[in-house]
């Protein structure tokens, strides 16, 4: 089999898989860019950023209790992370209203 035939076979298989997925999950086939980005924004601002903020605060607390000389700066960074993590949705909404 030549390289060109191999590429045609791969493309045919890929198109077949995409077609089957489109038939099995029509919501994915009609998903737009905007709805995908809204879902990503919701997941980031609702789940991931607050979890990272809490993890940062826990690491800063451990740093403080172990007597790390940089514990004060770790606490400041953790507090800023919590502000941005828990306020991310409000920040994103404010920016999107300002841009419109």
PDB file of N, CA and C in Angstrom:
ATOM      1  N   UNK A   1       0.840  -1.166   0.000  1.00  0.00           N
ATOM      2  CA  UNK A   1       0.000   0.000   0.000  1.00  0.00           C
ATOM      3  C   UNK A   1       0.894   1.242   0.000  1.00  0.00           C
ATOM      4  N   UNK A   2       0.582   2.193  -0.846  1.00  0.00           N
ATOM      5  CA  UNK A   2       1.396   3.393  -0.928  1.00  0.00           C
ATOM      6  C   UNK A   2       0.992   4.382   0.145  1.00  0.00           C
ATOM      7  N   UNK A   3       1.796   5.410   0.292  1.00  0.00           N
ATOM      8  CA  UNK A   3       1.529   6.429   1.295  1.00  0.00           C
ATOM      9  C   UNK A   3       0.229   7.172   1.001  1.00  0.00           C
ATOM     10  N   UNK A   4      -0.041   7.428  -0.266  1.00  0.00           N
ATOM     11  CA  UNK A   4      -1.250   8.149  -0.632  1.00  0.00           C
ATOM     12  C   UNK A   4      -2.487   7.302  -0.331  1.00  0.00           C
ATOM     13  N   UNK A   5      -2.445   6.033  -0.611  1.00  0.00           N
ATOM     14  CA  UNK A   5      -3.569   5.145  -0.301  1.00  0.00           C
ATOM     15  C   UNK A   5      -3.769   5.032   1.201  1.00  0.00           C
ATOM     16  N   UNK A   6      -2.675   5.011   1.938  1.00  0.00           N
ATOM     17  CA  UNK A   6      -2.754   4.944   3.390  1.00  0.00           C
ATOM     18  C   UNK A   6      -3.434   6.190   3.951  1.00  0.00           C
ATOM     19  N   UNK A   7      -3.099   7.351   3.425  1.00  0.00           N
ATOM     20  CA  UNK A   7      -3.721   8.607   3.876  1.00  0.00           C
ATOM     21  C   UNK A   7      -5.205   8.626   3.553  1.00  0.00           C
ATOM     22  N   UNK A   8      -5.572   8.142   2.357  1.00  0.00           N
ATOM     23  CA  UNK A   8      -6.982   8.095   1.978  1.00  0.00           C
ATOM     24  C   UNK A   8      -7.746   7.160   2.904  1.00  0.00           C
ATOM     25  N   UNK A   9      -7.147   6.047   3.237  1.00  0.00           N
ATOM     26  CA  UNK A   9      -7.783   5.100   4.151  1.00  0.00           C
ATOM     27  C   UNK A   9      -7.959   5.713   5.532  1.00  0.00           C
ATOM     28  N   UNK A  10      -6.935   6.405   6.027  1.00  0.00           N
ATOM     29  CA  UNK A  10      -7.031   7.056   7.333  1.00  0.00           C
ATOM     30  C   UNK A  10      -8.113   8.126   7.337  1.00  0.00           C
ATOM     31  N   UNK A  11      -8.195   8.931   6.283  1.00  0.00           N
ATOM     32  CA  UNK A  11      -9.211   9.975   6.210  1.00  0.00           C
ATOM     33  C   UNK A  11     -10.614   9.379   6.131  1.00  0.00           C
ATOM     34  N   UNK A  12     -10.759   8.282   5.399  1.00  0.00           N
ATOM     35  CA  UNK A  12     -12.056   7.616   5.299  1.00  0.00           C
ATOM     36  C   UNK A  12     -12.497   7.089   6.652  1.00  0.00           C
ATOM     37  N   UNK A  13     -11.583   6.481   7.371  1.00  0.00           N
ATOM     38  CA  UNK A  13     -11.900   5.964   8.699  1.00  0.00           C
ATOM     39  C   UNK A  13     -12.249   7.109   9.641  1.00  0.00           C
ATOM     40  N   UNK A  14     -11.491   8.206   9.578  1.00  0.00           N
ATOM     41  CA  UNK A  14     -11.771   9.358  10.433  1.00  0.00           C
ATOM     42  C   UNK A  14     -13.147   9.945  10.137  1.00  0.00           C
ATOM     43  N   UNK A  15     -13.485  10.111   8.870  1.00  0.00           N
ATOM     44  CA  UNK A  15     -14.799  10.634   8.507  1.00  0.00           C
ATOM     45  C   UNK A  15     -15.913   9.687   8.927  1.00  0.00           C
ATOM     46  N   UNK A  16     -15.675   8.410   8.840  1.00  0.00           N
ATOM     47  CA  UNK A  16     -16.655   7.428   9.279  1.00  0.00           C
ATOM     48  C   UNK A  16     -16.891   7.533  10.783  1.00  0.00           C
ATOM     49  N   UNK A  17     -15.823   7.663  11.549  1.00  0.00           N
ATOM     50  CA  UNK A  17     -15.947   7.806  13.005  1.00  0.00           C
ATOM     51  C   UNK A  17     -16.686   9.088  13.357  1.00  0.00           C
ATOM     52  N   UNK A  18     -16.347  10.191  12.695  1.00  0.00           N
ATOM     53  CA  UNK A  18     -17.029  11.465  12.960  1.00  0.00           C
ATOM     54  C   UNK A  18     -18.510  11.351  12.618  1.00  0.00           C
ATOM     55  N   UNK A  19     -18.833  10.696  11.523  1.00  0.00           N
ATOM     56  CA  UNK A  19     -20.228  10.508  11.141  1.00  0.00           C
ATOM     57  C   UNK A  19     -20.991   9.675  12.153  1.00  0.00           C
ATOM     58  N   UNK A  20     -20.386   8.619  12.646  1.00  0.00           N
ATOM     59  CA  UNK A  20     -21.042   7.772  13.645  1.00  0.00           C
ATOM     60  C   UNK A  20     -21.263   8.545  14.934  1.00  0.00           C
ATOM     61  N   UNK A  21     -20.265   9.315  15.356  1.00  0.00           N
ATOM     62  CA  UNK A  21     -20.414  10.122  16.572  1.00  0.00           C
ATOM     63  C   UNK A  21     -21.510  11.161  16.386  1.00  0.00           C
ATOM     64  N   UNK A  22     -21.592  11.768  15.206  1.00  0.00           N
ATOM     65  CA  UNK A  22     -22.625  12.770  14.945  1.00  0.00           C
ATOM     66  C   UNK A  22     -24.009  12.151  14.987  1.00  0.00           C
ATOM     67  N   UNK A  23     -24.143  10.920  14.519  1.00  0.00           N
ATOM     68  CA  UNK A  23     -25.443  10.251  14.564  1.00  0.00           C
ATOM     69  C   UNK A  23     -25.802   9.808  15.972  1.00  0.00           C
ATOM     70  N   UNK A  24     -24.818   9.388  16.745  1.00  0.00           N
ATOM     71  CA  UNK A  24     -25.076   8.890  18.097  1.00  0.00           C
ATOM     72  C   UNK A  24     -25.316  10.016  19.090  1.00  0.00           C
ATOM     73  N   UNK A  25     -24.658  11.151  18.883  1.00  0.00           N
ATOM     74  CA  UNK A  25     -24.782  12.282  19.805  1.00  0.00           C
ATOM     75  C   UNK A  25     -25.056  13.547  19.001  1.00  0.00           C
ATOM     76  N   UNK A  26     -26.304  13.785  18.626  1.00  0.00           N
ATOM     77  CA  UNK A  26     -26.588  14.948  17.776  1.00  0.00           C
ATOM     78  C   UNK A  26     -26.306  16.274  18.464  1.00  0.00           C
ATOM     79  N   UNK A  27     -26.335  16.307  19.798  1.00  0.00           N
ATOM     80  CA  UNK A  27     -26.013  17.551  20.498  1.00  0.00           C
ATOM     81  C   UNK A  27     -24.579  17.980  20.229  1.00  0.00           C
ATOM     82  N   UNK A  28     -23.674  17.004  20.142  1.00  0.00           N
ATOM     83  CA  UNK A  28     -22.286  17.333  19.832  1.00  0.00           C
ATOM     84  C   UNK A  28     -22.140  17.838  18.404  1.00  0.00           C
ATOM     85  N   UNK A  29     -22.962  17.298  17.510  1.00  0.00           N
ATOM     86  CA  UNK A  29     -22.861  17.704  16.118  1.00  0.00           C
ATOM     87  C   UNK A  29     -23.311  19.143  15.913  1.00  0.00           C
ATOM     88  N   UNK A  30     -24.247  19.598  16.729  1.00  0.00           N
ATOM     89  CA  UNK A  30     -24.777  20.949  16.576  1.00  0.00           C
ATOM     90  C   UNK A  30     -24.230  21.924  17.606  1.00  0.00           C
ATOM     91  N   UNK A  31     -23.237  21.507  18.366  1.00  0.00           N
ATOM     92  CA  UNK A  31     -22.652  22.380  19.380  1.00  0.00           C
ATOM     93  C   UNK A  31     -21.891  23.504  18.691  1.00  0.00           C
ATOM     94  N   UNK A  32     -22.166  24.717  19.139  1.00  0.00           N
ATOM     95  CA  UNK A  32     -21.482  25.863  18.564  1.00  0.00           C
ATOM     96  C   UNK A  32     -20.280  26.253  19.387  1.00  0.00           C
ATOM     97  N   UNK A  33     -19.504  27.137  18.828  1.00  0.00           N
ATOM     98  CA  UNK A  33     -18.314  27.606  19.522  1.00  0.00           C
ATOM     99  C   UNK A  33     -18.687  28.367  20.786  1.00  0.00           C
ATOM    100  N   UNK A  34     -19.734  29.192  20.684  1.00  0.00           N
ATOM    101  CA  UNK A  34     -20.121  30.005  21.835  1.00  0.00           C
ATOM    102  C   UNK A  34     -20.591  29.142  23.000  1.00  0.00           C
ATOM    103  N   UNK A  35     -21.398  28.121  22.728  1.00  0.00           N
ATOM    104  CA  UNK A  35     -21.866  27.261  23.813  1.00  0.00           C
ATOM    105  C   UNK A  35     -20.715  26.467  24.420  1.00  0.00           C
ATOM    106  N   UNK A  36     -19.749  26.083  23.599  1.00  0.00           N
ATOM    107  CA  UNK A  36     -18.588  25.376  24.128  1.00  0.00           C
ATOM    108  C   UNK A  36     -17.754  26.276  25.025  1.00  0.00           C
ATOM    109  N   UNK A  37     -17.579  27.524  24.616  1.00  0.00           N
ATOM    110  CA  UNK A  37     -16.811  28.465  25.432  1.00  0.00           C
ATOM    111  C   UNK A  37     -17.536  28.815  26.721  1.00  0.00           C
ATOM    112  N   UNK A  38     -18.855  28.919  26.668  1.00  0.00           N
ATOM    113  CA  UNK A  38     -19.626  29.193  27.891  1.00  0.00           C
ATOM    114  C   UNK A  38     -19.491  28.023  28.861  1.00  0.00           C
ATOM    115  N   UNK A  39     -19.536  26.808  28.341  1.00  0.00           N
ATOM    116  CA  UNK A  39     -19.346  25.634  29.190  1.00  0.00           C
ATOM    117  C   UNK A  39     -17.962  25.596  29.815  1.00  0.00           C
ATOM    118  N   UNK A  40     -16.955  25.939  29.027  1.00  0.00           N
ATOM    119  CA  UNK A  40     -15.587  25.994  29.548  1.00  0.00           C
ATOM    120  C   UNK A  40     -15.447  27.068  30.617  1.00  0.00           C
ATOM    121  N   UNK A  41     -16.031  28.244  30.375  1.00  0.00           N
ATOM    122  CA  UNK A  41     -15.967  29.330  31.355  1.00  0.00           C
ATOM    123  C   UNK A  41     -16.661  28.931  32.652  1.00  0.00           C
ATOM    124  N   UNK A  42     -17.805  28.285  32.530  1.00  0.00           N
ATOM    125  CA  UNK A  42     -18.542  27.857  33.717  1.00  0.00           C
ATOM    126  C   UNK A  42     -17.744  26.841  34.520  1.00  0.00           C
ATOM    127  N   UNK A  43     -17.128  25.901  33.831  1.00  0.00           N
ATOM    128  CA  UNK A  43     -16.329  24.877  34.517  1.00  0.00           C
ATOM    129  C   UNK A  43     -15.112  25.495  35.195  1.00  0.00           C
ATOM    130  N   UNK A  44     -14.447  26.420  34.507  1.00  0.00           N
ATOM    131  CA  UNK A  44     -13.268  27.068  35.083  1.00  0.00           C
ATOM    132  C   UNK A  44     -13.624  27.918  36.289  1.00  0.00           C
ATOM    133  N   UNK A  45     -14.615  28.798  36.127  1.00  0.00           N
ATOM    134  CA  UNK A  45     -14.929  29.736  37.203  1.00  0.00           C
ATOM    135  C   UNK A  45     -15.756  29.116  38.314  1.00  0.00           C
ATOM    136  N   UNK A  46     -16.448  28.026  38.027  1.00  0.00           N
ATOM    137  CA  UNK A  46     -17.294  27.426  39.048  1.00  0.00           C
ATOM    138  C   UNK A  46     -16.650  26.299  39.814  1.00  0.00           C
ATOM    139  N   UNK A  47     -15.679  25.634  39.213  1.00  0.00           N
ATOM    140  CA  UNK A  47     -15.110  24.445  39.854  1.00  0.00           C
ATOM    141  C   UNK A  47     -13.602  24.562  40.033  1.00  0.00           C
ATOM    142  N   UNK A  48     -12.891  24.761  38.942  1.00  0.00           N
ATOM    143  CA  UNK A  48     -11.434  24.630  38.970  1.00  0.00           C
ATOM    144  C   UNK A  48     -10.765  25.746  39.770  1.00  0.00           C
ATOM    145  N   UNK A  49     -11.131  27.009  39.510  1.00  0.00           N
ATOM    146  CA  UNK A  49     -10.483  28.116  40.229  1.00  0.00           C
ATOM    147  C   UNK A  49     -10.732  28.092  41.732  1.00  0.00           C
ATOM    148  N   UNK A  50     -11.973  27.841  42.206  1.00  0.00           N
ATOM    149  CA  UNK A  50     -12.152  27.746  43.665  1.00  0.00           C
ATOM    150  C   UNK A  50     -11.376  26.591  44.297  1.00  0.00           C
ATOM    151  N   UNK A  51     -11.294  25.464  43.608  1.00  0.00           N
ATOM    152  CA  UNK A  51     -10.530  24.329  44.151  1.00  0.00           C
ATOM    153  C   UNK A  51      -9.054  24.695  44.261  1.00  0.00           C
ATOM    154  N   UNK A  52      -8.516  25.339  43.224  1.00  0.00           N
ATOM    155  CA  UNK A  52      -7.112  25.757  43.278  1.00  0.00           C
ATOM    156  C   UNK A  52      -6.880  26.798  44.367  1.00  0.00           C
ATOM    157  N   UNK A  53      -7.866  27.676  44.592  1.00  0.00           N
ATOM    158  CA  UNK A  53      -7.725  28.682  45.644  1.00  0.00           C
ATOM    159  C   UNK A  53      -7.662  28.019  47.026  1.00  0.00           C
ATOM    160  N   UNK A  54      -8.492  27.030  47.254  1.00  0.00           N
ATOM    161  CA  UNK A  54      -8.487  26.328  48.544  1.00  0.00           C
ATOM    162  C   UNK A  54      -7.187  25.548  48.721  1.00  0.00           C
ATOM    163  N   UNK A  55      -6.715  24.916  47.656  1.00  0.00           N
ATOM    164  CA  UNK A  55      -5.448  24.186  47.738  1.00  0.00           C
ATOM    165  C   UNK A  55      -4.303  25.152  48.059  1.00  0.00           C
ATOM    166  N   UNK A  56      -4.300  26.322  47.425  1.00  0.00           N
ATOM    167  CA  UNK A  56      -3.282  27.327  47.725  1.00  0.00           C
ATOM    168  C   UNK A  56      -3.328  27.785  49.165  1.00  0.00           C
ATOM    169  N   UNK A  57      -4.544  27.971  49.683  1.00  0.00           N
ATOM    170  CA  UNK A  57      -4.679  28.384  51.087  1.00  0.00           C
ATOM    171  C   UNK A  57      -4.176  27.288  52.027  1.00  0.00           C
ATOM    172  N   UNK A  58      -4.447  26.033  51.695  1.00  0.00           N
ATOM    173  CA  UNK A  58      -3.965  24.927  52.526  1.00  0.00           C
ATOM    174  C   UNK A  58      -2.437  24.850  52.506  1.00  0.00           C
ATOM    175  N   UNK A  59      -1.846  25.029  51.354  1.00  0.00           N
ATOM    176  CA  UNK A  59      -0.384  25.004  51.263  1.00  0.00           C
ATOM    177  C   UNK A  59       0.223  26.169  52.038  1.00  0.00           C
ATOM    178  N   UNK A  60      -0.410  27.344  51.969  1.00  0.00           N
ATOM    179  CA  UNK A  60       0.082  28.494  52.720  1.00  0.00           C
ATOM    180  C   UNK A  60      -0.035  28.257  54.226  1.00  0.00           C
ATOM    181  N   UNK A  61      -1.122  27.616  54.644  1.00  0.00           N
ATOM    182  CA  UNK A  61      -1.283  27.318  56.075  1.00  0.00           C
ATOM    183  C   UNK A  61      -0.223  26.321  56.547  1.00  0.00           C
ATOM    184  N   UNK A  62       0.037  25.326  55.744  1.00  0.00           N
ATOM    185  CA  UNK A  62       1.083  24.357  56.096  1.00  0.00           C
ATOM    186  C   UNK A  62       2.435  25.053  56.167  1.00  0.00           C
ATOM    187  N   UNK A  63       2.683  25.955  55.235  1.00  0.00           N
ATOM    188  CA  UNK A  63       3.924  26.721  55.246  1.00  0.00           C
ATOM    189  C   UNK A  63       4.043  27.560  56.516  1.00  0.00           C
ATOM    190  N   UNK A  64       2.930  28.148  56.938  1.00  0.00           N
ATOM    191  CA  UNK A  64       2.917  28.974  58.149  1.00  0.00           C
ATOM    192  C   UNK A  64       3.184  28.133  59.394  1.00  0.00           C
ATOM    193  N   UNK A  65       2.521  26.984  59.477  1.00  0.00           N
ATOM    194  CA  UNK A  65       2.653  26.144  60.670  1.00  0.00           C
ATOM    195  C   UNK A  65       3.999  25.442  60.758  1.00  0.00           C
ATOM    196  N   UNK A  66       4.670  25.262  59.631  1.00  0.00           N
ATOM    197  CA  UNK A  66       5.988  24.630  59.679  1.00  0.00           C
ATOM    198  C   UNK A  66       7.104  25.643  59.923  1.00  0.00           C
ATOM    199  N   UNK A  67       6.767  26.919  59.983  1.00  0.00           N
ATOM    200  CA  UNK A  67       7.756  27.939  60.289  1.00  0.00           C
ATOM    201  C   UNK A  67       8.579  28.399  59.105  1.00  0.00           C
ATOM    202  N   UNK A  68       8.045  28.285  57.928  1.00  0.00           N
ATOM    203  CA  UNK A  68       8.745  28.728  56.727  1.00  0.00           C
ATOM    204  C   UNK A  68       8.918  30.251  56.776  1.00  0.00           C
ATOM    205  N   UNK A  69      10.117  30.766  56.509  1.00  0.00           N
ATOM    206  CA  UNK A  69      10.322  32.213  56.558  1.00  0.00           C
ATOM    207  C   UNK A  69       9.536  32.974  55.483  1.00  0.00           C
ATOM    208  N   UNK A  70       9.107  32.313  54.430  1.00  0.00           N
ATOM    209  CA  UNK A  70       8.324  32.953  53.372  1.00  0.00           C
ATOM    210  C   UNK A  70       6.826  32.755  53.561  1.00  0.00           C
ATOM    211  N   UNK A  71       6.406  32.343  54.753  1.00  0.00           N
ATOM    212  CA  UNK A  71       4.999  32.024  54.989  1.00  0.00           C
ATOM    213  C   UNK A  71       4.099  33.243  54.813  1.00  0.00           C
ATOM    214  N   UNK A  72       4.607  34.411  55.178  1.00  0.00           N
ATOM    215  CA  UNK A  72       3.792  35.617  55.055  1.00  0.00           C
ATOM    216  C   UNK A  72       3.460  35.899  53.588  1.00  0.00           C
ATOM    217  N   UNK A  73       4.440  35.775  52.718  1.00  0.00           N
ATOM    218  CA  UNK A  73       4.173  36.004  51.294  1.00  0.00           C
ATOM    219  C   UNK A  73       3.286  34.892  50.725  1.00  0.00           C
ATOM    220  N   UNK A  74       3.440  33.652  51.227  1.00  0.00           N
ATOM    221  CA  UNK A  74       2.572  32.567  50.785  1.00  0.00           C
ATOM    222  C   UNK A  74       1.123  32.860  51.154  1.00  0.00           C
ATOM    223  N   UNK A  75       0.905  33.402  52.363  1.00  0.00           N
ATOM    224  CA  UNK A  75      -0.456  33.742  52.792  1.00  0.00           C
ATOM    225  C   UNK A  75      -1.047  34.845  51.916  1.00  0.00           C
ATOM    226  N   UNK A  76      -0.241  35.850  51.607  1.00  0.00           N
ATOM    227  CA  UNK A  76      -0.725  36.947  50.756  1.00  0.00           C
ATOM    228  C   UNK A  76      -1.118  36.406  49.391  1.00  0.00           C
ATOM    229  N   UNK A  77      -0.268  35.562  48.814  1.00  0.00           N
ATOM    230  CA  UNK A  77      -0.585  34.979  47.504  1.00  0.00           C
ATOM    231  C   UNK A  77      -1.823  34.087  47.577  1.00  0.00           C
ATOM    232  N   UNK A  78      -1.964  33.335  48.658  1.00  0.00           N
ATOM    233  CA  UNK A  78      -3.120  32.458  48.809  1.00  0.00           C
ATOM    234  C   UNK A  78      -4.411  33.273  48.954  1.00  0.00           C
ATOM    235  N   UNK A  79      -4.349  34.372  49.698  1.00  0.00           N
ATOM    236  CA  UNK A  79      -5.530  35.222  49.846  1.00  0.00           C
ATOM    237  C   UNK A  79      -5.900  35.860  48.515  1.00  0.00           C
ATOM    238  N   UNK A  80      -4.898  36.326  47.776  1.00  0.00           N
ATOM    239  CA  UNK A  80      -5.179  36.868  46.443  1.00  0.00           C
ATOM    240  C   UNK A  80      -5.751  35.787  45.522  1.00  0.00           C
ATOM    241  N   UNK A  81      -5.233  34.585  45.634  1.00  0.00           N
ATOM    242  CA  UNK A  81      -5.771  33.475  44.844  1.00  0.00           C
ATOM    243  C   UNK A  81      -7.210  33.168  45.194  1.00  0.00           C
ATOM    244  N   UNK A  82      -7.544  33.241  46.486  1.00  0.00           N
ATOM    245  CA  UNK A  82      -8.934  33.019  46.901  1.00  0.00           C
ATOM    246  C   UNK A  82      -9.844  34.125  46.379  1.00  0.00           C
ATOM    247  N   UNK A  83      -9.367  35.358  46.431  1.00  0.00           N
ATOM    248  CA  UNK A  83     -10.174  36.473  45.922  1.00  0.00           C
ATOM    249  C   UNK A  83     -10.456  36.272  44.435  1.00  0.00           C
ATOM    250  N   UNK A  84      -9.412  35.940  43.672  1.00  0.00           N
ATOM    251  CA  UNK A  84      -9.606  35.736  42.236  1.00  0.00           C
ATOM    252  C   UNK A  84     -10.364  34.442  41.956  1.00  0.00           C
ATOM    253  N   UNK A  85     -10.106  33.403  42.734  1.00  0.00           N
ATOM    254  CA  UNK A  85     -10.760  32.115  42.508  1.00  0.00           C
ATOM    255  C   UNK A  85     -12.243  32.148  42.776  1.00  0.00           C
ATOM    256  N   UNK A  86     -12.623  32.731  43.910  1.00  0.00           N
ATOM    257  CA  UNK A  86     -14.037  32.770  44.248  1.00  0.00           C
ATOM    258  C   UNK A  86     -14.759  33.934  43.587  1.00  0.00           C
ATOM    259  N   UNK A  87     -14.036  34.967  43.202  1.00  0.00           N
ATOM    260  CA  UNK A  87     -14.660  36.099  42.526  1.00  0.00           C
ATOM    261  C   UNK A  87     -14.515  36.059  41.020  1.00  0.00           C
ATOM    262  N   UNK A  88     -14.050  34.936  40.486  1.00  0.00           N
ATOM    263  CA  UNK A  88     -13.783  34.851  39.053  1.00  0.00           C
ATOM    264  C   UNK A  88     -15.040  35.060  38.217  1.00  0.00           C
ATOM    265  N   UNK A  89     -16.152  34.490  38.644  1.00  0.00           N
ATOM    266  CA  UNK A  89     -17.384  34.649  37.869  1.00  0.00           C
ATOM    267  C   UNK A  89     -17.804  36.108  37.821  1.00  0.00           C
ATOM    268  N   UNK A  90     -17.712  36.800  38.945  1.00  0.00           N
ATOM    269  CA  UNK A  90     -18.069  38.220  38.969  1.00  0.00           C
ATOM    270  C   UNK A  90     -17.106  39.041  38.118  1.00  0.00           C
ATOM    271  N   UNK A  91     -15.832  38.690  38.158  1.00  0.00           N
ATOM    272  CA  UNK A  91     -14.837  39.409  37.349  1.00  0.00           C
ATOM    273  C   UNK A  91     -15.116  39.206  35.857  1.00  0.00           C
ATOM    274  N   UNK A  92     -15.398  37.965  35.463  1.00  0.00           N
ATOM    275  CA  UNK A  92     -15.683  37.670  34.062  1.00  0.00           C
ATOM    276  C   UNK A  92     -16.959  38.377  33.615  1.00  0.00           C
ATOM    277  N   UNK A  93     -17.997  38.363  34.452  1.00  0.00           N
ATOM    278  CA  UNK A  93     -19.242  39.053  34.111  1.00  0.00           C
ATOM    279  C   UNK A  93     -19.026  40.551  33.978  1.00  0.00           C
ATOM    280  N   UNK A  94     -18.238  41.135  34.877  1.00  0.00           N
ATOM    281  CA  UNK A  94     -17.956  42.567  34.811  1.00  0.00           C
ATOM    282  C   UNK A  94     -17.224  42.920  33.517  1.00  0.00           C
ATOM    283  N   UNK A  95     -16.219  42.127  33.163  1.00  0.00           N
ATOM    284  CA  UNK A  95     -15.457  42.409  31.937  1.00  0.00           C
ATOM    285  C   UNK A  95     -16.334  42.242  30.701  1.00  0.00           C
ATOM    286  N   UNK A  96     -17.168  41.193  30.674  1.00  0.00           N
ATOM    287  CA  UNK A  96     -18.014  40.979  29.505  1.00  0.00           C
ATOM    288  C   UNK A  96     -19.072  42.064  29.365  1.00  0.00           C
ATOM    289  N   UNK A  97     -19.576  42.615  30.472  1.00  0.00           N
ATOM    290  CA  UNK A  97     -20.534  43.720  30.395  1.00  0.00           C
ATOM    291  C   UNK A  97     -19.844  45.000  29.960  1.00  0.00           C
ATOM    292  N   UNK A  98     -18.610  45.193  30.363  1.00  0.00           N
ATOM    293  CA  UNK A  98     -17.868  46.385  29.992  1.00  0.00           C
ATOM    294  C   UNK A  98     -17.522  46.368  28.500  1.00  0.00           C
ATOM    295  N   UNK A  99     -17.189  45.200  27.971  1.00  0.00           N
ATOM    296  CA  UNK A  99     -16.792  45.093  26.571  1.00  0.00           C
ATOM    297  C   UNK A  99     -17.981  45.263  25.629  1.00  0.00           C
ATOM    298  N   UNK A 100     -19.137  44.790  26.020  1.00  0.00           N
ATOM    299  CA  UNK A 100     -20.317  44.874  25.154  1.00  0.00           C
ATOM    300  C   UNK A 100     -20.720  46.246  24.916  1.00  0.00           C
TER     301      UNK A 100
END
